Structure formats: C-alpha cells, structure tokens
Amino acid sequence: MPAAGMPASVQSQYVEAGHLLDERSRQLLAEQCILIENDLIIRAEPCGHALKGARILDWSASTVLLGSIGLHNYLTDAGQDADVVLPLKTSPQLTALIGARKC
C-alpha cells in the first residue's frame, strides 16, 4: 500500500494489435498499439516502443475494437421476446444478422 500522499504505482500494458477498427474514421488500421494504464485506455497509435516496464500483449493476430466492450451483448442478443428459449433456437449466423440490423 502506498504511503499517504504518494501515488499508487501505474500498471501499464501495451497491446500490439494486428488491426484496430477506428470507429471515428470507420477504417481498419494495421499494426496499431494500445497503451492501457490501470485498466484505462490512454491512447492508440502506430506501434513503436512500449513504455519501460509495461506488460506487452501480443494480439498481432487479432482485430481490436476500442470502446466496444459491451457491444458483444448488443450484437449477440436475439432480441426481446416473450419466448425465453429464442436464443437457443436461433443460429449464431441469424443472431449476428439480427445484431447487425440494430446497428
């Protein structure tokens, strides 16, 4: 535990993403890195040098969507319905199509 008046140590992570979907420009950017400090996204930028002491995560084979952490529920929900087993009767493909129509 830090002493009174002393800041807690910063936990840094540097995520090396293969691709990053920039939601503002609607472009898929290659070789982007994301700096995360204490579970908060600080910035995304072209990959360079990670901060000293940062934990490096190699997601170079993955596409990353920033700010969409709750989107999986939105896209994978078959919809509000009185039929409580609807999600069990809906294929993953149809569920994705329903979610995409909501966007």
Protein backbone atom coordinates (compact mmCIF):
# COMPACT_ATOMS: atom_id res chain seq x y z
CA MET A 1 0.00 0.00 0.00
CA PRO A 2 1.46 3.39 -0.93
CA ALA A 3 2.28 5.85 1.82
CA ALA A 4 -0.17 8.69 2.44
CA GLY A 5 0.12 11.34 -0.27
CA MET A 6 2.13 9.05 -2.56
CA PRO A 7 0.53 8.00 -5.86
CA ALA A 8 -0.10 4.28 -6.40
CA SER A 9 2.10 2.60 -8.97
CA VAL A 10 0.79 2.62 -12.51
CA GLN A 11 0.05 -0.73 -14.11
CA SER A 12 0.84 -0.30 -17.83
CA GLN A 13 0.00 -2.65 -20.66
CA TYR A 14 0.97 -2.25 -24.30
CA VAL A 15 -1.30 -4.18 -26.65
CA GLU A 16 0.16 -4.90 -30.07
CA ALA A 17 -2.94 -5.35 -32.25
CA GLY A 18 -2.81 -6.76 -35.76
CA HIS A 19 -5.64 -4.45 -36.76
CA LEU A 20 -7.63 -1.77 -35.00
CA LEU A 21 -11.06 -0.62 -36.11
CA ASP A 22 -11.11 3.16 -35.81
CA GLU A 23 -14.78 3.84 -35.11
CA ARG A 24 -14.47 7.55 -35.88
CA SER A 25 -12.93 7.22 -39.35
CA ARG A 26 -14.52 3.80 -39.98
CA GLN A 27 -11.18 2.50 -41.18
CA LEU A 28 -9.35 -0.69 -40.32
CA LEU A 29 -5.82 0.29 -39.31
CA ALA A 30 -2.89 -2.14 -39.38
CA GLU A 31 -0.12 -2.57 -36.78
CA GLN A 32 -1.67 -0.40 -34.10
CA CYS A 33 -0.74 -0.44 -30.43
CA ILE A 34 -2.86 0.49 -27.45
CA LEU A 35 -1.48 1.88 -24.21
CA ILE A 36 -3.53 0.91 -21.16
CA GLU A 37 -2.78 2.26 -17.68
CA ASN A 38 -4.64 0.97 -14.64
CA ASP A 39 -7.33 -0.60 -16.88
CA LEU A 40 -7.94 2.70 -18.71
CA ILE A 41 -7.18 3.12 -22.41
CA ILE A 42 -4.77 6.06 -22.71
CA ARG A 43 -4.17 6.06 -26.46
CA ALA A 44 -3.99 4.02 -29.63
CA GLU A 45 -1.21 4.73 -32.10
CA PRO A 46 1.03 3.11 -34.71
CA CYS A 47 3.27 0.62 -32.92
CA GLY A 48 6.55 1.95 -31.65
CA HIS A 49 8.37 1.45 -28.40
CA ALA A 50 6.43 0.28 -25.36
CA LEU A 51 6.80 2.18 -22.12
CA LYS A 52 9.55 0.85 -19.89
CA GLY A 53 8.07 -1.71 -17.52
CA ALA A 54 4.83 -2.11 -19.49
CA ARG A 55 3.44 -5.59 -19.91
CA ILE A 56 3.39 -6.33 -23.65
CA LEU A 57 0.42 -8.27 -25.01
CA ASP A 58 0.83 -9.74 -28.49
CA TRP A 59 -2.55 -9.58 -30.19
CA SER A 60 -0.96 -9.24 -33.63
CA ALA A 61 -3.24 -11.96 -35.00
CA SER A 62 -6.35 -10.14 -33.73
CA THR A 63 -8.57 -7.25 -34.72
CA VAL A 64 -9.36 -4.91 -31.82
CA LEU A 65 -12.43 -2.70 -31.38
CA LEU A 66 -11.86 0.07 -28.83
CA GLY A 67 -14.80 1.29 -26.81
CA SER A 68 -16.99 -1.63 -27.80
CA ILE A 69 -16.62 -3.68 -24.65
CA GLY A 70 -20.39 -4.03 -24.15
CA LEU A 71 -21.15 -4.41 -27.82
CA HIS A 72 -20.96 -8.20 -27.69
CA ASN A 73 -24.21 -8.25 -25.72
CA TYR A 74 -25.85 -5.91 -28.18
CA LEU A 75 -24.75 -7.90 -31.24
CA THR A 76 -25.38 -11.35 -29.82
CA ASP A 77 -28.80 -10.76 -28.28
CA ALA A 78 -31.52 -12.36 -30.39
CA GLY A 79 -33.90 -9.64 -29.26
CA GLN A 80 -36.53 -9.01 -26.64
CA ASP A 81 -39.18 -11.66 -26.95
CA ALA A 82 -41.68 -13.48 -24.77
CA ASP A 83 -40.09 -16.73 -25.93
CA VAL A 84 -37.35 -17.26 -23.34
CA VAL A 85 -35.73 -20.06 -25.34
CA LEU A 86 -35.42 -17.93 -28.50
CA PRO A 87 -31.63 -17.60 -28.09
CA LEU A 88 -31.37 -21.41 -28.02
CA LYS A 89 -33.44 -21.72 -31.20
CA THR A 90 -31.50 -19.04 -33.10
CA SER A 91 -28.37 -19.94 -35.05
CA PRO A 92 -25.19 -17.90 -34.47
CA GLN A 93 -25.46 -16.63 -38.05
CA LEU A 94 -29.02 -15.38 -37.59
CA THR A 95 -28.16 -13.86 -34.21
CA ALA A 96 -25.29 -11.90 -35.83
CA LEU A 97 -27.62 -10.72 -38.59
CA ILE A 98 -30.20 -9.55 -36.04
CA GLY A 99 -27.46 -7.69 -34.13
CA ALA A 100 -26.06 -6.10 -37.28
CA ARG A 101 -29.51 -4.78 -38.21
CA LYS A 102 -29.68 -2.99 -34.82
CA CYS A 103 -26.50 -1.00 -35.55
